[in-house]
N, C-alpha and C. Protein backbone atom coordinates (compact mmCIF):
# COMPACT_ATOMS: atom_id res chain seq x y z
N MET A 1 0.70 -1.24 -0.26
CA MET A 1 -0.03 0.02 0.17
C MET A 1 0.91 1.31 0.16
N THR A 2 0.61 1.99 -0.78
CA THR A 2 1.37 3.16 -1.00
C THR A 2 1.12 4.41 0.54
N LEU A 3 1.94 5.29 0.90
CA LEU A 3 1.55 6.10 1.72
C LEU A 3 0.25 6.84 1.81
N PRO A 4 -0.12 7.46 0.54
CA PRO A 4 -0.93 8.08 0.32
C PRO A 4 -2.56 7.28 0.80
N LYS A 5 -2.33 6.23 0.32
CA LYS A 5 -3.42 5.23 0.53
C LYS A 5 -3.60 4.57 1.93
N LEU A 6 -2.33 4.34 2.38
CA LEU A 6 -2.43 3.97 4.09
C LEU A 6 -3.16 5.25 4.64
N ILE A 7 -2.52 6.63 4.28
CA ILE A 7 -3.17 7.67 4.94
C ILE A 7 -4.50 7.72 4.83
N GLY A 8 -5.19 7.51 3.86
CA GLY A 8 -6.47 7.43 3.23
C GLY A 8 -7.16 6.48 3.90
N GLU A 9 -6.60 5.05 4.41
CA GLU A 9 -7.31 3.94 5.13
C GLU A 9 -7.39 4.50 6.48
N ALA A 10 -6.31 5.37 7.07
CA ALA A 10 -6.33 5.76 8.19
C ALA A 10 -7.44 6.79 8.58
N ARG A 11 -7.84 7.58 7.62
CA ARG A 11 -8.83 8.69 7.72
C ARG A 11 -10.01 8.14 7.52
N ASP A 12 -10.14 7.12 6.91
CA ASP A 12 -11.83 6.53 6.63
C ASP A 12 -11.78 5.56 7.82
N LYS A 13 -11.06 4.60 8.06
CA LYS A 13 -11.35 3.57 8.73
C LYS A 13 -11.10 3.87 10.35
N LEU A 14 -10.29 4.58 10.38
CA LEU A 14 -9.90 4.92 12.10
C LEU A 14 -10.69 6.06 12.45
N LEU A 15 -10.86 6.94 11.40
CA LEU A 15 -11.61 8.14 11.77
C LEU A 15 -10.01 9.02 12.05
N TRP A 16 -8.79 9.06 11.77
CA TRP A 16 -8.06 9.88 12.28
C TRP A 16 -7.88 11.16 11.26
N ASP A 17 -7.84 12.43 11.97
CA ASP A 17 -7.56 13.56 11.13
C ASP A 17 -6.11 13.56 10.98
N VAL A 18 -5.72 13.54 9.78
CA VAL A 18 -3.99 13.66 9.60
C VAL A 18 -3.54 15.10 8.98
N PRO A 19 -3.08 15.86 9.98
CA PRO A 19 -2.80 17.19 9.32
C PRO A 19 -2.15 17.16 7.96
N ASN A 20 -2.13 18.43 7.23
CA ASN A 20 -1.57 18.31 6.06
C ASN A 20 -0.14 18.53 6.13
N HIS A 21 0.66 19.00 7.17
CA HIS A 21 1.87 19.42 7.53
C HIS A 21 2.53 17.78 7.65
N TYR A 22 2.00 16.88 7.74
CA TYR A 22 2.55 15.43 7.35
C TYR A 22 2.83 15.07 6.33
N THR A 23 2.21 15.63 5.33
CA THR A 23 2.22 14.91 3.82
C THR A 23 2.61 16.00 3.05
N GLU A 24 3.77 16.02 2.64
CA GLU A 24 4.05 16.93 1.15
C GLU A 24 3.86 16.19 0.03
N LYS A 25 3.28 16.63 -0.93
CA LYS A 25 2.76 16.07 -1.98
C LYS A 25 4.15 15.55 -2.97
N GLU A 26 4.15 14.25 -3.44
CA GLU A 26 5.11 13.93 -4.30
C GLU A 26 6.46 13.48 -3.40
N ARG A 27 6.48 13.85 -2.31
CA ARG A 27 7.54 13.72 -1.30
C ARG A 27 7.85 12.15 -1.16
N TYR A 28 6.87 11.34 -1.11
CA TYR A 28 7.21 9.68 -0.40
C TYR A 28 7.42 9.23 -2.22
N ARG A 29 7.04 9.73 -3.25
CA ARG A 29 7.24 8.87 -4.23
C ARG A 29 8.69 9.02 -4.83
N LYS A 30 8.93 10.66 -4.50
CA LYS A 30 10.29 10.80 -5.49
C LYS A 30 11.50 10.39 -4.39
N VAL A 31 11.30 10.22 -2.95
CA VAL A 31 12.21 9.36 -2.09
C VAL A 31 12.47 7.73 -2.58
N ARG A 32 10.84 7.09 -2.79
CA ARG A 32 11.07 5.74 -3.00
C ARG A 32 11.59 5.38 -4.47
N ASN A 33 11.60 6.36 -5.47
CA ASN A 33 12.12 6.35 -6.45
C ASN A 33 13.21 6.22 -6.80
N ALA A 34 14.03 7.27 -5.67
CA ALA A 34 15.58 7.35 -5.61
C ALA A 34 16.27 6.19 -5.01
N VAL A 35 15.40 6.04 -4.17
CA VAL A 35 16.01 4.40 -3.49
C VAL A 35 16.03 3.15 -4.41
N ASN A 36 14.83 3.04 -5.05
CA ASN A 36 14.84 2.07 -6.09
C ASN A 36 15.36 1.97 -7.01
N HIS A 37 16.03 3.04 -7.66
CA HIS A 37 16.75 3.26 -8.68
C HIS A 37 18.39 3.55 -8.54
N GLY A 38 18.56 3.51 -7.02
CA GLY A 38 19.96 3.89 -6.55
C GLY A 38 20.50 5.50 -7.02
N ASN A 39 19.26 6.30 -7.01
CA ASN A 39 19.86 7.49 -7.40
C ASN A 39 19.81 8.43 -6.30
N LYS A 40 20.25 9.83 -6.17
CA LYS A 40 20.64 10.68 -5.26
C LYS A 40 19.04 10.94 -4.77
N LEU A 41 19.19 11.24 -3.38
CA LEU A 41 17.87 11.12 -2.57
C LEU A 41 17.42 12.88 -3.39
N PRO A 42 16.17 13.17 -3.38
CA PRO A 42 15.45 14.39 -3.75
C PRO A 42 15.34 15.46 -2.87
N HIS A 43 15.59 15.16 -1.58
CA HIS A 43 15.68 15.84 -0.48
C HIS A 43 17.12 15.67 0.52
N ASP A 44 17.15 16.78 1.17
CA ASP A 44 18.32 16.75 2.07
C ASP A 44 17.92 15.58 2.91
N PRO A 45 19.04 14.38 3.42
CA PRO A 45 18.71 13.46 4.08
C PRO A 45 18.31 13.98 5.52
N ALA A 46 18.71 15.18 5.90
CA ALA A 46 18.47 15.47 7.59
C ALA A 46 16.75 15.63 7.53
N GLN A 47 16.42 16.20 6.29
CA GLN A 47 14.98 16.29 6.27
C GLN A 47 14.21 15.05 6.03
N ILE A 48 14.43 14.16 5.68
CA ILE A 48 14.15 12.70 5.25
C ILE A 48 14.10 12.28 6.85
N ARG A 49 15.13 12.43 7.76
CA ARG A 49 15.11 11.89 9.08
C ARG A 49 13.98 12.52 9.93
N HIS A 50 13.78 14.00 9.69
CA HIS A 50 12.74 14.75 10.38
C HIS A 50 11.49 14.39 10.25
N ASP A 51 11.22 14.08 8.77
CA ASP A 51 9.75 13.47 8.73
C ASP A 51 9.54 12.16 9.38
N PHE A 52 10.51 11.40 9.15
CA PHE A 52 10.41 9.64 9.98
C PHE A 52 10.46 10.21 11.58
N ASP A 53 11.24 11.02 11.76
CA ASP A 53 10.87 11.45 13.41
C ASP A 53 9.27 11.91 13.56
N LYS A 54 9.19 12.75 12.61
CA LYS A 54 7.64 13.53 13.25
C LYS A 54 6.58 12.39 12.96
N TRP A 55 6.62 11.56 11.87
CA TRP A 55 5.46 10.43 11.89
C TRP A 55 5.59 9.38 12.93
N HIS A 56 6.92 9.29 13.53
CA HIS A 56 7.08 8.34 14.79
C HIS A 56 6.33 8.98 15.93
N LEU A 57 6.46 10.39 16.20
CA LEU A 57 5.78 10.90 17.18
C LEU A 57 4.06 10.96 16.83
N PHE A 58 3.75 11.14 15.73
CA PHE A 58 2.60 11.03 15.41
C PHE A 58 1.86 9.65 15.77
N LEU A 59 2.47 8.42 15.35
CA LEU A 59 1.67 7.25 15.77
C LEU A 59 2.05 7.01 17.33
N LEU A 60 3.02 7.52 18.00
CA LEU A 60 2.89 7.36 19.32
C LEU A 60 1.99 8.08 19.74
N ARG A 61 1.64 9.31 19.39
CA ARG A 61 0.63 10.47 20.16
C ARG A 61 -0.72 9.36 20.09
N ARG A 62 -0.96 8.59 18.67
CA ARG A 62 -1.92 8.13 18.02
C ARG A 62 -2.20 6.52 19.24
N LEU A 63 -1.19 6.07 19.48
CA LEU A 63 -0.84 5.04 20.31
C LEU A 63 -1.57 5.16 21.84
N LEU A 64 -0.71 6.19 22.55
CA LEU A 64 -1.05 6.74 23.90
C LEU A 64 -2.96 7.38 23.98
N LEU A 65 -3.25 7.90 22.88
CA LEU A 65 -4.50 8.48 22.62
C LEU A 65 -5.77 6.99 22.76
N ARG A 66 -5.19 5.93 21.95
CA ARG A 66 -5.95 4.86 21.80
C ARG A 66 -6.07 4.21 23.42
N LEU A 67 -4.70 4.23 24.16
CA LEU A 67 -4.53 3.53 25.32
C LEU A 67 -5.22 4.43 26.79
N GLY A 68 -5.72 5.72 26.32
CA GLY A 68 -6.58 6.51 27.02
C GLY A 68 -5.72 7.31 28.03
N TYR A 69 -4.49 7.65 27.65
CA TYR A 69 -3.79 8.75 28.09
C TYR A 69 -4.04 9.95 27.78
N ASP A 70 -4.18 10.88 28.76
CA ASP A 70 -4.65 12.20 28.33
C ASP A 70 -4.02 13.42 28.99
N GLY A 71 -2.55 13.31 29.15
CA GLY A 71 -1.57 13.80 29.81
C GLY A 71 -0.90 14.63 28.74
N LYS A 72 0.40 14.91 28.86
CA LYS A 72 1.27 15.61 27.88
C LYS A 72 2.47 15.03 27.65
N VAL A 73 3.00 14.91 26.75
CA VAL A 73 4.17 14.44 26.09
C VAL A 73 5.14 15.44 25.70
N ALA A 74 6.40 15.36 25.54
CA ALA A 74 7.55 16.05 25.15
C ALA A 74 7.29 16.27 23.67
N SER A 75 7.37 17.50 23.25
CA SER A 75 7.47 17.83 22.06
C SER A 75 8.80 18.33 21.54
N PRO A 76 8.89 18.42 20.29
CA PRO A 76 10.43 18.75 19.84
C PRO A 76 10.63 20.19 19.62
N GLN A 77 9.65 20.88 20.07
CA GLN A 77 9.61 22.41 19.99
C GLN A 77 11.13 22.92 20.96
N GLU A 78 11.84 23.59 20.80
CA GLU A 78 12.88 23.95 21.63
C GLU A 78 13.87 22.60 22.07
N GLY A 79 13.97 21.61 21.25
CA GLY A 79 14.65 20.64 21.61
C GLY A 79 14.24 19.60 22.65
N PHE A 80 12.83 19.46 22.71
CA PHE A 80 12.45 18.52 23.80
C PHE A 80 12.22 19.13 24.88
N ALA A 81 12.28 20.38 24.83
CA ALA A 81 12.26 21.17 26.23
C ALA A 81 10.93 21.40 26.68
N SER A 82 10.09 21.42 25.64
CA SER A 82 8.52 21.84 26.24
C SER A 82 8.06 20.52 25.86
N CYS A 83 6.59 20.89 26.44
CA CYS A 83 5.73 19.48 26.45
C CYS A 83 4.11 20.23 25.68
N SER A 84 3.54 19.14 25.10
CA SER A 84 2.31 19.60 24.86
C SER A 84 1.30 18.49 25.19
N ALA A 85 0.06 18.73 24.99
CA ALA A 85 -1.14 17.57 24.89
C ALA A 85 -0.84 16.64 24.23
N VAL A 86 -1.45 15.59 24.36
CA VAL A 86 -1.18 14.23 23.91
C VAL A 86 -1.80 14.40 22.42
N ASP A 87 -2.85 15.28 22.67
CA ASP A 87 -3.86 15.24 21.11
C ASP A 87 -3.15 16.53 20.43
N GLU A 88 -2.40 17.25 20.73
CA GLU A 88 -1.47 18.40 19.93
C GLU A 88 -0.93 17.89 18.86
N PHE A 89 -1.46 18.31 17.59
CA PHE A 89 -0.72 17.55 16.30
C PHE A 89 -0.54 18.63 15.18
N SER A 90 -0.41 19.94 15.77
CA SER A 90 -0.06 20.76 15.07
C SER A 90 1.47 20.88 14.82
N ALA A 91 1.69 21.68 13.66
CA ALA A 91 3.16 21.80 13.05
C ALA A 91 4.09 22.03 14.17
N GLU A 92 3.89 23.12 15.00
CA GLU A 92 4.83 24.31 16.09
C GLU A 92 5.12 22.97 16.92
N HIS A 93 4.25 21.84 17.48
CA HIS A 93 4.55 20.75 18.48
C HIS A 93 4.97 19.65 17.85
N ASN A 94 5.23 19.36 16.41
CA ASN A 94 5.63 18.41 15.93
C ASN A 94 6.52 18.24 14.66
N SER A 95 7.01 19.46 14.61
CA SER A 95 8.02 19.38 13.71
C SER A 95 9.51 19.22 14.15
N PHE A 96 10.40 18.42 13.56
CA PHE A 96 11.64 18.55 14.11
C PHE A 96 12.79 19.37 13.25
N HIS A 97 12.14 20.52 12.74
CA HIS A 97 13.16 21.24 12.03
C HIS A 97 13.82 22.10 12.94
N PRO A 98 15.36 22.26 12.75
CA PRO A 98 15.73 23.06 13.65
C PRO A 98 15.50 24.62 13.76
């Protein structure tokens, strides 16, 4: 299943709201094609790592919500020096950009 289809399934079946800042159009396809064909990555490798970390935090937040947790979690804002509500999915509290 491609990333857009997987996100669509999560939205439809799990009723998840996936904010737009998680999905940059065509990024997943360009990265996949570069890896499959042994080409140079279309984005800075640090950016790809930031995206991976962002999705990891997104899924962790969803898991905690599913388990009934309603407290705060560390957010990458200011180098994890801040925290935000577990259901806070804004770019401000979920971006790993320096």
